[in-house]
């Protein structure tokens, strides 16, 4: 294959040994129809020059990349699923395929979803529906545009099988997805080692995670290193939860096997974006108690972090870990301000005053039931958008007296150069890009019925316009402390 000078293979995970993963083989699919190639990120990791045939060879048939992993690995982990501990899980329909570094030197994973059965498939077929693959592409693209740290939908192939599912009209079309992510080491990876009472392997995993993602901690040792690493994971995941709240995003399944050590959003199943602010809004039909509802996401992530801390007590005294868990609240507060202010391009000031403004804003959004994405579109740039907001489809809400404190807060935090942002064509349109569930279903309908991908491609183009407007093309992979 034509390897570019920027291709930097670095398969570190497989060096951990057989206690952490199982070698597996990809399924032999009857078809390989390319539906999505993320050329932007392919260029960034040195794979942009692959021909169509080479792309299929590596990301549909899973022939090894040069000097990379010799065989796929199904990663071992446990996890709390809706707060019930499950020791019978692991990579059940995916595997780690390769690791490589981007231009900034960051270690990234190429991992699959829907690539076939593994030792952890239990009674599943190891496959991914095409609709599920399409939904993952959409979620990752919009979250990246909104500045959320997220995995990237790197490749999507339709694979020509007919799948039976209880939550989709069946039989339904099949696919295999490759995602590019910062890490697939989960909280549940540590939990599994604690379950088997293997402090030696926990130490090994801590050393690996520090070397791969937090090298600033390598000078520490023993309990001090474990505690410091825990603190970094706490802060990173607090910022992640905050960014979901700013994006109006509901992940849907915040189990400890769906949260990772770098604080990056990944594995998009029953996700949804808010139509309007509702703390009780859920994404998964099976979340009957609202455990992972929109407004409960910060608490859900904090609870999961506490379970990770419990696993680390095998190698670190609890009195060293507890202060690190306390980092969650301030990191979340700062992250929420960064997320909302970043989306609106506002100027940060005194944290307490800014948090008071955010409380007023969220209260108004919930009470007024304003369109979530419409509000952030209308008021991008703060007070500089007053005239734009007056022409909004929901301008009447902004004229109400209840909005006055929010308007004052926006105007007080308006940047001097906000007009430059608003010159972008994206902000000249009356309506923003959005992905509420009705729109997602409307995008899938033509694909399912006529193999018509035009609406899907148009939506991705609209999302790209938002990325360009926000300068968000590289959001999602930032430094661990960024």
Protein backbone atom coordinates (compact mmCIF):
# COMPACT_ATOMS: atom_id res chain seq x y z
CA UNK A 1 0.00 0.00 0.00
CA UNK A 2 1.16 3.59 -0.55
CA UNK A 3 2.21 4.56 2.96
CA UNK A 4 2.67 8.29 3.39
CA UNK A 5 5.43 9.82 5.47
CA UNK A 6 2.82 10.72 8.09
CA UNK A 7 1.79 7.09 8.68
CA UNK A 8 3.20 6.19 12.09
CA UNK A 9 2.20 2.72 13.29
CA UNK A 10 2.59 2.11 17.01
CA UNK A 11 0.76 -1.06 18.17
CA UNK A 12 1.34 -0.65 21.91
CA UNK A 13 -1.70 -2.46 23.27
CA UNK A 14 -0.77 -5.89 21.98
CA UNK A 15 2.47 -5.66 23.98
CA UNK A 16 0.42 -5.93 27.17
CA UNK A 17 0.07 -9.64 26.52
CA UNK A 18 -2.65 -12.30 26.54
CA UNK A 19 -4.25 -11.27 29.84
CA UNK A 20 -5.83 -8.22 28.23
CA UNK A 21 -7.27 -9.42 24.91
CA UNK A 22 -7.96 -12.43 22.70
CA UNK A 23 -6.86 -12.79 19.07
CA UNK A 24 -9.85 -13.08 16.75
CA UNK A 25 -10.63 -13.19 13.04
CA UNK A 26 -12.98 -10.89 11.16
CA UNK A 27 -16.13 -12.26 9.58
CA UNK A 28 -16.06 -13.08 5.88
CA UNK A 29 -18.65 -10.71 4.43
CA UNK A 30 -20.39 -11.43 1.12
CA UNK A 31 -20.18 -7.80 -0.05
CA UNK A 32 -18.03 -4.75 0.56
CA UNK A 33 -19.95 -1.63 -0.51
CA UNK A 34 -18.24 1.53 0.71
CA UNK A 35 -20.73 3.94 2.27
CA UNK A 36 -18.46 6.32 4.17
CA UNK A 37 -14.76 7.11 3.96
CA UNK A 38 -13.50 9.77 6.36
CA UNK A 39 -10.86 11.25 4.12
CA UNK A 40 -10.13 14.18 6.44
CA UNK A 41 -8.98 11.90 9.25
CA UNK A 42 -7.43 9.41 6.85
CA UNK A 43 -5.08 12.18 5.74
CA UNK A 44 -4.26 13.05 9.34
CA UNK A 45 -3.12 9.52 10.15
CA UNK A 46 -1.25 8.86 6.91
CA UNK A 47 -3.86 6.65 5.23
CA UNK A 48 -5.35 9.16 2.83
CA UNK A 49 -3.54 7.74 -0.21
CA UNK A 50 -5.15 4.30 0.02
CA UNK A 51 -6.88 3.25 -3.18
CA UNK A 52 -10.48 2.08 -3.08
CA UNK A 53 -9.33 -1.53 -3.27
CA UNK A 54 -6.77 -1.04 -0.49
CA UNK A 55 -9.36 0.68 1.70
CA UNK A 56 -11.64 -2.34 1.32
CA UNK A 57 -8.79 -4.74 1.99
CA UNK A 58 -7.95 -3.10 5.30
CA UNK A 59 -11.35 -1.91 6.53
CA UNK A 60 -13.74 -4.56 5.17
CA UNK A 61 -11.57 -7.69 4.99
CA UNK A 62 -9.22 -6.46 7.74
CA UNK A 63 -5.89 -7.34 6.22
CA UNK A 64 -3.22 -5.96 8.62
CA UNK A 65 -1.85 -2.49 8.05
CA UNK A 66 1.93 -2.33 7.47
CA UNK A 67 4.05 -2.70 10.63
CA UNK A 68 0.92 -2.72 12.71
CA UNK A 69 -0.99 -5.35 14.64
CA UNK A 70 -0.58 -8.77 13.10
CA UNK A 71 -4.07 -9.88 14.13
CA UNK A 72 -7.15 -8.23 15.62
CA UNK A 73 -7.66 -8.33 19.37
CA UNK A 74 -10.99 -8.56 21.18
CA UNK A 75 -10.41 -6.57 24.35
CA UNK A 76 -11.31 -8.04 27.73
CA UNK A 77 -13.35 -6.02 30.22
CA UNK A 78 -16.26 -6.18 32.63
CA UNK A 79 -18.65 -3.43 33.59
CA UNK A 80 -21.63 -2.11 35.47
CA UNK A 81 -24.57 -2.11 33.06
CA UNK A 82 -27.42 -0.01 34.43
CA UNK A 83 -25.58 -0.42 37.76
CA UNK A 84 -25.64 -4.22 37.74
CA UNK A 85 -22.17 -5.77 37.52
CA UNK A 86 -21.64 -7.99 34.48
CA UNK A 87 -18.59 -10.25 34.32
CA UNK A 88 -19.57 -11.87 31.03
CA UNK A 89 -18.88 -9.03 28.61
CA UNK A 90 -15.98 -7.86 26.48
CA UNK A 91 -15.63 -6.96 22.81
CA UNK A 92 -18.58 -8.96 21.51
CA UNK A 93 -18.89 -7.58 17.99
CA UNK A 94 -15.71 -5.63 17.51
CA UNK A 95 -11.96 -5.67 17.97
CA UNK A 96 -8.91 -3.46 18.10
CA UNK A 97 -7.45 -3.55 14.60
CA UNK A 98 -4.51 -1.12 14.63
CA UNK A 99 -2.84 1.69 16.53
CA UNK A 100 -1.07 4.67 15.02
CA UNK A 101 -0.10 8.24 15.78
CA UNK A 102 -1.42 11.43 14.27
CA UNK A 103 0.58 14.50 13.33
CA UNK A 104 0.55 15.69 16.93
CA UNK A 105 2.05 12.44 18.16
CA UNK A 106 -1.15 11.23 19.82
CA UNK A 107 -1.75 7.50 19.95
CA UNK A 108 -5.02 6.56 18.23
CA UNK A 109 -6.94 3.31 17.85
CA UNK A 110 -8.63 1.88 14.81
CA UNK A 111 -11.34 -0.41 16.16
CA UNK A 112 -14.39 -2.06 14.70
CA UNK A 113 -18.09 -2.50 15.32
CA UNK A 114 -19.95 -5.29 13.56
CA UNK A 115 -16.88 -7.24 12.47
CA UNK A 116 -18.09 -10.67 13.61
CA UNK A 117 -18.29 -12.94 16.61
CA UNK A 118 -15.67 -13.10 19.37
CA UNK A 119 -15.38 -15.10 22.61
CA UNK A 120 -17.59 -12.42 24.19
CA UNK A 121 -20.45 -12.46 21.68
CA UNK A 122 -22.51 -14.77 23.88
CA UNK A 123 -25.66 -15.34 21.79
CA UNK A 124 -25.14 -12.36 19.47
CA UNK A 125 -24.25 -12.53 15.79
CA UNK A 126 -21.42 -9.99 16.11
CA UNK A 127 -22.92 -7.84 13.37
CA UNK A 128 -23.98 -4.20 13.03
CA UNK A 129 -27.04 -3.09 11.14
CA UNK A 130 -26.53 -0.56 8.37
CA UNK A 131 -28.90 1.78 10.17
CA UNK A 132 -26.74 1.47 13.27
CA UNK A 133 -23.67 2.35 11.22
CA UNK A 134 -25.39 5.35 9.67
CA UNK A 135 -26.45 6.56 13.11
CA UNK A 136 -22.89 6.29 14.43
CA UNK A 137 -21.55 8.33 11.51
CA UNK A 138 -24.14 11.05 12.14
CA UNK A 139 -23.57 11.23 15.90
CA UNK A 140 -19.79 11.37 15.63
CA UNK A 141 -19.85 14.01 12.91
CA UNK A 142 -22.18 16.40 14.70
CA UNK A 143 -20.47 15.97 18.06
CA UNK A 144 -17.12 16.70 16.45
CA UNK A 145 -18.61 19.84 14.91
CA UNK A 146 -19.88 20.90 18.34
CA UNK A 147 -16.46 20.49 19.93
CA UNK A 148 -17.16 17.32 21.90
CA UNK A 149 -14.25 14.92 22.34
CA UNK A 150 -15.45 12.04 20.25
CA UNK A 151 -14.32 9.04 18.28
CA UNK A 152 -14.53 9.45 14.51
CA UNK A 153 -16.52 7.24 12.17
CA UNK A 154 -13.52 6.37 9.99
CA UNK A 155 -15.06 3.87 7.57
CA UNK A 156 -18.44 2.28 6.91
CA UNK A 157 -19.05 -0.64 4.55
CA UNK A 158 -22.35 -2.29 3.77
CA UNK A 159 -21.70 -6.02 3.95
CA UNK A 160 -24.60 -7.72 2.17
CA UNK A 161 -26.11 -9.78 4.97
CA UNK A 162 -29.70 -9.81 6.24
CA UNK A 163 -29.93 -9.36 10.01
CA UNK A 164 -32.78 -9.99 12.41
CA UNK A 165 -33.30 -7.42 15.14
CA UNK A 166 -36.04 -6.84 17.66
CA UNK A 167 -35.75 -3.04 17.57
CA UNK A 168 -35.70 -2.58 13.76
CA UNK A 169 -37.94 -3.82 10.97
CA UNK A 170 -36.29 -7.10 9.97
CA UNK A 171 -34.61 -8.50 8.05
CA UNK A 172 -32.41 -5.42 7.83
CA UNK A 173 -29.17 -4.58 6.04
CA UNK A 174 -25.74 -5.14 7.61
CA UNK A 175 -22.56 -3.09 7.89
CA UNK A 176 -19.13 -2.98 9.46
CA UNK A 177 -17.83 0.24 11.00
CA UNK A 178 -14.27 1.28 11.80
CA UNK A 179 -13.91 4.04 14.34
CA UNK A 180 -10.83 6.12 15.03
CA UNK A 181 -10.57 6.81 18.73
CA UNK A 182 -8.20 8.08 21.37
CA UNK A 183 -8.49 4.91 23.46
CA UNK A 184 -10.67 1.84 23.93
CA UNK A 185 -9.39 1.12 27.43
CA UNK A 186 -12.52 1.32 29.55
CA UNK A 187 -13.27 1.72 33.22
CA UNK A 188 -14.40 -1.88 32.92
CA UNK A 189 -10.91 -2.93 31.81
CA UNK A 190 -9.71 -2.11 35.33
CA UNK A 191 -12.83 -3.55 36.92
CA UNK A 192 -12.19 -6.93 35.34
CA UNK A 193 -8.68 -7.09 36.80
CA UNK A 194 -10.02 -6.13 40.22
CA UNK A 195 -12.71 -8.81 39.91
CA UNK A 196 -9.98 -11.43 39.45
CA UNK A 197 -7.86 -9.84 42.21
CA UNK A 198 -4.87 -9.11 40.00
CA UNK A 199 -3.12 -6.02 41.40
CA UNK A 200 -0.05 -6.97 39.38
CA UNK A 201 -1.99 -6.58 36.13
CA UNK A 202 -3.60 -3.36 37.35
CA UNK A 203 -0.10 -1.95 37.86
CA UNK A 204 0.79 -3.10 34.34
CA UNK A 205 -2.29 -1.41 32.91
CA UNK A 206 -1.63 1.81 34.83
CA UNK A 207 1.90 1.93 33.45
CA UNK A 208 0.57 1.38 29.93
CA UNK A 209 -2.11 4.08 30.22
CA UNK A 210 0.37 6.59 31.60
CA UNK A 211 2.92 5.85 28.89
CA UNK A 212 0.33 6.00 26.11
CA UNK A 213 -1.86 8.91 27.24
CA UNK A 214 -0.52 10.63 30.37
CA UNK A 215 3.30 10.58 30.09
CA UNK A 216 3.59 13.45 32.56
CA UNK A 217 2.78 10.91 35.29
CA UNK A 218 5.60 8.49 34.53
CA UNK A 219 7.90 10.08 37.09
CA UNK A 220 5.51 8.99 39.83
CA UNK A 221 5.25 5.45 41.15
CA UNK A 222 3.05 3.17 43.23
CA UNK A 223 0.00 4.66 44.86
CA UNK A 224 0.97 8.20 43.90
CA UNK A 225 0.94 7.31 40.21
CA UNK A 226 -2.36 5.43 40.48
CA UNK A 227 -4.00 8.34 42.31
CA UNK A 228 -2.69 10.94 39.88
CA UNK A 229 -3.88 8.90 36.91
CA UNK A 230 -7.28 8.51 38.52
CA UNK A 231 -7.48 12.27 38.96
CA UNK A 232 -6.73 12.87 35.29
CA UNK A 233 -9.39 10.35 34.25
CA UNK A 234 -11.90 11.99 36.60
CA UNK A 235 -11.25 15.46 35.21
CA UNK A 236 -11.32 14.30 31.59
CA UNK A 237 -14.65 12.52 32.01
CA UNK A 238 -16.14 15.42 33.94
CA UNK A 239 -15.34 17.67 30.99
CA UNK A 240 -16.84 15.08 28.65
CA UNK A 241 -20.12 15.01 30.59
CA UNK A 242 -20.19 18.80 30.54
CA UNK A 243 -19.69 18.89 26.79
CA UNK A 244 -22.66 16.55 26.28
CA UNK A 245 -24.81 18.95 28.28
CA UNK A 246 -23.69 21.90 26.16
CA UNK A 247 -24.35 19.93 22.98
CA UNK A 248 -27.80 18.83 24.16
CA UNK A 249 -26.70 15.24 23.64
CA UNK A 250 -27.94 12.12 25.41
CA UNK A 251 -25.56 9.18 25.10
CA UNK A 252 -28.11 6.70 26.34
CA UNK A 253 -25.91 3.92 27.78
CA UNK A 254 -23.41 5.26 30.31
CA UNK A 255 -22.27 1.88 31.56
CA UNK A 256 -18.72 1.57 32.89
CA UNK A 257 -17.71 -0.32 29.74
CA UNK A 258 -18.77 2.70 27.64
CA UNK A 259 -16.51 5.21 29.38
CA UNK A 260 -12.78 5.30 28.76
CA UNK A 261 -9.56 6.51 30.30
CA UNK A 262 -9.10 9.51 28.00
CA UNK A 263 -12.55 11.01 28.50
CA UNK A 264 -13.74 10.59 24.95
CA UNK A 265 -17.25 9.86 23.76
CA UNK A 266 -17.61 6.65 21.74
CA UNK A 267 -19.90 3.73 20.89
CA UNK A 268 -23.10 5.42 19.76
CA UNK A 269 -26.14 3.19 20.15
CA UNK A 270 -29.49 4.70 21.22
CA UNK A 271 -28.23 8.30 21.29
CA UNK A 272 -30.44 11.33 20.80
CA UNK A 273 -30.10 15.10 20.64
CA UNK A 274 -32.58 17.25 22.55
CA UNK A 275 -35.38 18.95 20.64
CA UNK A 276 -35.83 21.22 23.68
CA UNK A 277 -34.40 21.26 27.20
CA UNK A 278 -35.78 18.43 29.33
CA UNK A 279 -33.73 17.01 32.21
CA UNK A 280 -35.79 13.80 32.08
CA UNK A 281 -35.29 13.19 28.34
CA UNK A 282 -33.97 9.68 27.65
CA UNK A 283 -32.41 8.14 24.57
CA UNK A 284 -32.90 4.40 25.14
CA UNK A 285 -36.37 2.86 25.13
CA UNK A 286 -35.08 0.34 27.71
CA UNK A 287 -33.99 3.07 30.16
CA UNK A 288 -37.28 2.74 32.00
CA UNK A 289 -36.18 4.58 35.15
CA UNK A 290 -34.42 7.43 33.36
CA UNK A 291 -31.07 6.45 34.88
CA UNK A 292 -29.18 7.93 31.94
CA UNK A 293 -31.57 10.80 31.17
CA UNK A 294 -30.14 14.10 29.92
CA UNK A 295 -30.10 15.81 33.30
CA UNK A 296 -28.66 12.76 35.09
CA UNK A 297 -25.64 12.29 32.84
CA UNK A 298 -23.15 14.13 35.11
CA UNK A 299 -24.22 12.02 38.09
CA UNK A 300 -24.04 8.85 35.99
CA UNK A 301 -20.47 9.59 34.93
CA UNK A 302 -19.49 10.49 38.50
CA UNK A 303 -20.95 7.20 39.75
CA UNK A 304 -19.04 5.28 37.09
CA UNK A 305 -15.84 7.04 38.12
CA UNK A 306 -16.44 5.97 41.70
CA UNK A 307 -16.59 2.35 40.51
CA UNK A 308 -13.26 2.83 38.73
CA UNK A 309 -11.86 4.19 41.97
CA UNK A 310 -13.09 1.09 43.76
CA UNK A 311 -11.13 -1.09 41.34
CA UNK A 312 -8.00 0.98 41.93
CA UNK A 313 -8.15 0.43 45.70
CA UNK A 314 -6.33 -2.85 45.04
CA UNK A 315 -3.20 -0.81 44.30
CA UNK A 316 -3.84 2.53 45.98
CA UNK A 317 -5.12 3.55 49.43
CA UNK A 318 -8.64 5.02 49.32
CA UNK A 319 -7.48 8.16 51.12
CA UNK A 320 -5.33 9.01 48.09
CA UNK A 321 -8.13 8.34 45.61
CA UNK A 322 -10.94 10.23 47.33
CA UNK A 323 -9.45 13.73 46.81
CA UNK A 324 -9.01 12.89 43.13
CA UNK A 325 -12.69 11.98 42.75
CA UNK A 326 -13.47 15.37 44.30
CA UNK A 327 -11.96 16.94 41.16
CA UNK A 328 -15.14 16.03 39.31
CA UNK A 329 -17.31 18.97 40.39
CA UNK A 330 -14.90 21.82 39.56
CA UNK A 331 -13.84 20.16 36.30
CA UNK A 332 -17.49 19.72 35.35
CA UNK A 333 -18.33 23.34 36.14
CA UNK A 334 -15.42 24.64 34.12
CA UNK A 335 -16.21 22.21 31.33
CA UNK A 336 -19.84 23.26 31.18
CA UNK A 337 -18.86 26.89 30.89
CA UNK A 338 -16.31 26.06 28.20
CA UNK A 339 -18.86 24.03 26.25
CA UNK A 340 -21.74 26.53 26.33
CA UNK A 341 -19.56 29.61 25.99
CA UNK A 342 -17.62 27.96 23.18
CA UNK A 343 -20.82 27.15 21.32
CA UNK A 344 -22.02 30.75 21.71
CA UNK A 345 -18.53 32.30 21.30
CA UNK A 346 -18.88 34.22 24.57
CA UNK A 347 -16.14 35.69 26.74
CA UNK A 348 -15.44 33.92 30.02
CA UNK A 349 -15.21 35.99 33.20
CA UNK A 350 -15.66 35.31 36.90
CA UNK A 351 -16.52 31.63 37.23
CA UNK A 352 -19.18 32.09 39.90
CA UNK A 353 -20.95 34.78 37.88
CA UNK A 354 -20.69 32.71 34.71
CA UNK A 355 -22.19 29.68 36.46
CA UNK A 356 -25.04 31.82 37.74
CA UNK A 357 -25.68 32.91 34.15
CA UNK A 358 -25.62 29.28 32.98
CA UNK A 359 -28.18 28.34 35.62
CA UNK A 360 -30.46 31.11 34.43
CA UNK A 361 -29.95 30.04 30.82
CA UNK A 362 -30.74 26.36 31.42
CA UNK A 363 -33.75 27.27 33.56
CA UNK A 364 -35.09 29.51 30.79
CA UNK A 365 -34.48 26.90 28.09
CA UNK A 366 -36.43 24.34 30.10
CA UNK A 367 -39.27 26.67 31.03
CA UNK A 368 -39.65 28.27 27.58
CA UNK A 369 -39.17 24.99 25.69
CA UNK A 370 -37.22 26.86 23.05
CA UNK A 371 -35.73 24.79 20.28
CA UNK A 372 -32.31 23.81 21.64
CA UNK A 373 -30.26 24.06 18.46
CA UNK A 374 -32.28 27.06 17.28
CA UNK A 375 -31.40 29.01 20.42
CA UNK A 376 -27.66 28.37 20.08
CA UNK A 377 -27.84 29.28 16.40
CA UNK A 378 -29.80 32.47 17.05
CA UNK A 379 -27.49 33.76 19.76
CA UNK A 380 -24.07 32.72 18.46
CA UNK A 381 -21.86 35.69 19.19
CA UNK A 382 -24.01 36.84 22.09
CA UNK A 383 -25.39 40.34 21.85
CA UNK A 384 -24.00 40.71 18.34
CA UNK A 385 -26.82 38.41 17.20
CA UNK A 386 -29.70 40.48 18.61
CA UNK A 387 -30.89 41.47 15.15
CA UNK A 388 -30.57 37.90 13.87
CA UNK A 389 -32.52 36.60 16.86
CA UNK A 390 -35.30 39.12 16.20
CA UNK A 391 -35.87 37.37 12.85
CA UNK A 392 -35.74 33.86 14.31
CA UNK A 393 -38.63 31.42 14.00
CA UNK A 394 -38.83 31.61 17.80
CA UNK A 395 -38.31 35.38 18.14
CA UNK A 396 -41.45 35.69 20.27
CA UNK A 397 -39.72 33.75 23.05
CA UNK A 398 -36.87 36.25 23.08
CA UNK A 399 -39.29 39.16 23.36
CA UNK A 400 -40.81 37.76 26.53
CA UNK A 401 -39.81 39.42 29.79
CA UNK A 402 -38.59 36.10 31.17
CA UNK A 403 -35.76 36.13 28.65
CA UNK A 404 -34.41 39.52 29.75
CA UNK A 405 -31.88 38.19 32.31
CA UNK A 406 -30.53 35.75 29.73
CA UNK A 407 -30.27 38.52 27.13
CA UNK A 408 -28.40 40.69 29.63
CA UNK A 409 -25.99 37.85 30.33
CA UNK A 410 -25.37 37.29 26.64
CA UNK A 411 -24.74 40.96 25.96
CA UNK A 412 -22.37 41.25 28.93
CA UNK A 413 -20.23 38.43 27.53
CA UNK A 414 -20.15 39.47 23.88
CA UNK A 415 -16.71 39.55 22.26
CA UNK A 416 -15.60 42.68 20.43
CA UNK A 417 -14.99 40.70 17.24
CA UNK A 418 -18.22 38.65 17.35
CA UNK A 419 -19.34 40.13 14.02
CA UNK A 420 -16.59 38.19 12.25
CA UNK A 421 -18.12 34.89 13.32
CA UNK A 422 -21.52 35.92 12.05
CA UNK A 423 -20.23 36.66 8.55
CA UNK A 424 -19.86 32.97 7.88
CA UNK A 425 -22.57 31.64 5.51
CA UNK A 426 -23.67 29.10 8.09
CA UNK A 427 -24.97 31.87 10.35
CA UNK A 428 -26.76 33.60 7.49
CA UNK A 429 -29.30 30.76 7.35
CA UNK A 430 -32.46 30.95 9.43
CA UNK A 431 -32.15 27.43 10.79
CA UNK A 432 -29.20 25.42 12.13
CA UNK A 433 -28.14 21.87 11.44
CA UNK A 434 -29.81 19.48 13.87
CA UNK A 435 -30.26 15.74 14.38
CA UNK A 436 -33.36 15.15 16.46
CA UNK A 437 -34.79 11.66 16.17
CA UNK A 438 -37.39 12.58 13.53
CA UNK A 439 -34.65 13.90 11.26
CA UNK A 440 -32.53 10.79 11.73
CA UNK A 441 -35.48 8.60 10.76
CA UNK A 442 -36.15 10.83 7.76
CA UNK A 443 -32.54 10.37 6.63
CA UNK A 444 -32.76 6.60 6.97
CA UNK A 445 -36.08 6.23 5.14
CA UNK A 446 -34.78 6.91 1.59
CA UNK A 447 -31.77 4.65 2.20
CA UNK A 448 -33.93 1.78 3.39
CA UNK A 449 -36.56 2.19 0.68
CA UNK A 450 -34.67 3.31 -2.43
CA UNK A 451 -30.94 3.13 -1.55
CA UNK A 452 -31.00 6.91 -1.86
CA UNK A 453 -28.15 8.44 0.13
CA UNK A 454 -28.61 12.03 -1.04
CA UNK A 455 -30.32 13.32 2.12
CA UNK A 456 -27.66 11.64 4.29
CA UNK A 457 -24.86 13.23 2.27
CA UNK A 458 -26.60 16.62 2.36
CA UNK A 459 -26.81 16.40 6.14
CA UNK A 460 -23.10 15.63 6.38
CA UNK A 461 -22.38 18.65 4.19
CA UNK A 462 -24.46 20.85 6.49
CA UNK A 463 -22.56 19.50 9.49
CA UNK A 464 -19.28 20.25 7.69
CA UNK A 465 -20.46 23.81 7.21
CA UNK A 466 -20.96 24.10 10.97
CA UNK A 467 -17.47 22.68 11.56
CA UNK A 468 -16.03 25.27 9.23
CA UNK A 469 -18.01 28.07 10.86
CA UNK A 470 -16.76 27.11 14.31
CA UNK A 471 -13.26 26.21 13.21
CA UNK A 472 -13.95 22.82 14.77
CA UNK A 473 -12.28 20.56 12.27
CA UNK A 474 -9.80 19.23 14.84
CA UNK A 475 -12.08 19.23 17.88
CA UNK A 476 -12.48 15.96 19.69
CA UNK A 477 -8.82 14.94 19.96
CA UNK A 478 -7.21 17.41 22.33
CA UNK A 479 -4.48 17.08 24.91
CA UNK A 480 -5.55 15.16 28.03
CA UNK A 481 -5.50 18.36 30.07
CA UNK A 482 -7.15 20.45 27.33
